[in-house]
Amino acid sequence: MLYSYTTCPHRVLLDLFGDPALRDEVSPFVELLWERGHRFEEETIRALELPFLNLRGIPRDEREEATLQALHDGVDLIYGGRITHERLVGEPDLLRRTGAGYEPGDIKSGAGVEGASEASDGKPKRHYAVQLALYADILRREGLAESKRAFVWDVHGEEVAYDLDEPRGLRIKASMWDEYTEVLAEVDGIVRRETTTRPGLISACSLCHWRSHCQREIVDADDLTLIPELGRSARDKFPQTIATVSDLAATDLQSMISGGKTEIPGIGEKTLRKLHARAVLQKRPTGGAYFTEEVRLPKAATELFFDIETDPFRGLCYLHGFLERTQGTPERYVAFFADEVTDSAERAAFAEAWEYVQTYATAIVYYYSPYERTIWKQLARRFPEVAPEDEVTALFAEDRFVDLYTDVVRSRMIWPTTSLSLKVLATSLSFRWRDTDPSGAASIQWFHEWIESGDPAVRQRILDYNEDDCRATRVLLDAIKRIADREDAQSARSNTASTPRT
């Protein structure tokens, strides 16, 4: 429940009290997450060179007693235990004896921290921290631990220490333990029916088994989270008089702004004006998307539309796709696919893609979001003999490389859609993917299926999806150009009409 709460409090309420008949089927990607997590845990334990007590196979109703006995016996390392205190229940992957009793730990098939970069070691993950804090809390209440410390064995083979008395990040003053106690109180309120929740549109909705049910509620309520980049926490800061998209669209902003500041905590004037403009256009969409700032796109005879596919479980970039459009010739899709889950295959695909881009030194390269740039820089760090990182950085810094999301859609345009994702925007422009379930998560699941089966039809499905993503980027660019031409024409007519006759 604590883990679910960190993603969506409303999910906790629905899991407890919602009508099971309204649940969607679990997505194949979520099933893959479970499978990968279990497999990684088993592989980690099999490779462990330390002696440990394995309780995983014991029936649940017997495991708690066996765990308690092992703790009192002072077993150094316990795998698969179950601990409780009154209404608190936890199943830590590991319980490790220390000088101050026991520390809980979990085996995670993801990184132990989030936001890691060259300049920062990253910060502990909130959803990991609340789980670990629950285990530590139970141990302390049972007199089996003195410290508030825990650990994660992560996908990189690293042990990541979680000192729960420390703040979770430089900008977060509250300690992880403070966050845990707050979440625990909120979840307890939901369990007791003393705390109410409501759905909100977030990126994680697409993977939730309540997604269809909540989507209907959100649309029916005209909820503020239907506005892109207006999340649940921001929604809850708006006054009660602005509870819907219609309310915000009808609001006189000047009454909420004074001295360059707004009456909504954490939301500045520029952001509020952007959210308001999106609300207005959602309610009056006949005019279509428009620019808030002038954008001048580069021009060239050849345009490349670039999209990659990665497997985050394996840390593998396995596909670099390009749609090539040159004046006077048919469009052409070019793909570089790593046919094996090996460093050499990944390197070869990257090298081929790098060489391909070099042959189009004057082409304009369009992509959507910073992800492609980030992954290529990571590949350059791993395979500097293919392309040094400074060369990759310099390439993406050229004016001919355009991130349509960051440089245009998000920063200089207003769209009437509920999301700024490529899928939503291209669909609103009447583009249709060939696959019935087009998503990055689905492509990861297909890649896993292809690795397991070697089925060429699955490989082709991945390629078709990637090609459609490239074509969707081209469709979006063409729409942006049409909007720019329309606004230029309107501006020209306005200037002509205002010019006095002589």
Foldseek 3Di string as FASTA:
>chain_A
DLLVVVVPVVVLLCVVDNDPVLFAPFDLLVVVQVVLFVVQLVVVVVPDPDDEAELQPPPPVCQAVVVVVCQVVPTAKYAQGWFDDVPQIAGARMWGQDPFFTAGEHEELADQAPPDDPVDNHFGDLSVLLRRQSVVVRCVVVVRGDASKYWYCYNVRDIGIQRQCDCRDPPGRHGSNRVNVVSVVQSVCSVVVNDDGADADDPCLVRGRNNVVNVVVCVVQQALLLQAPCTDVQQVQDDPQQGHLVSLLPDDCVVQDDPQQGPRPPATPVRSVQSNVLSVCLVVVPVFKAWQDDDDADDDQKEKQWDWAAQNSLRATFKIKIWIDGPPDDIDIDMQGQPDSDPVSRLVSLLVVVVVVVVCVPYQYEYADCVVLVSNLVSCVVCVVSPHSVRSVVVCPDSSYDHCHPPPPPPIMHGNGSYPDLVGVLVVVVQDQPDPDQDSSVLNSLVVVCNVPVDVVSVVVSVSSRVSSSVSRVSVVVVVVVNSVVVVVVVVVVVVVPDDDD
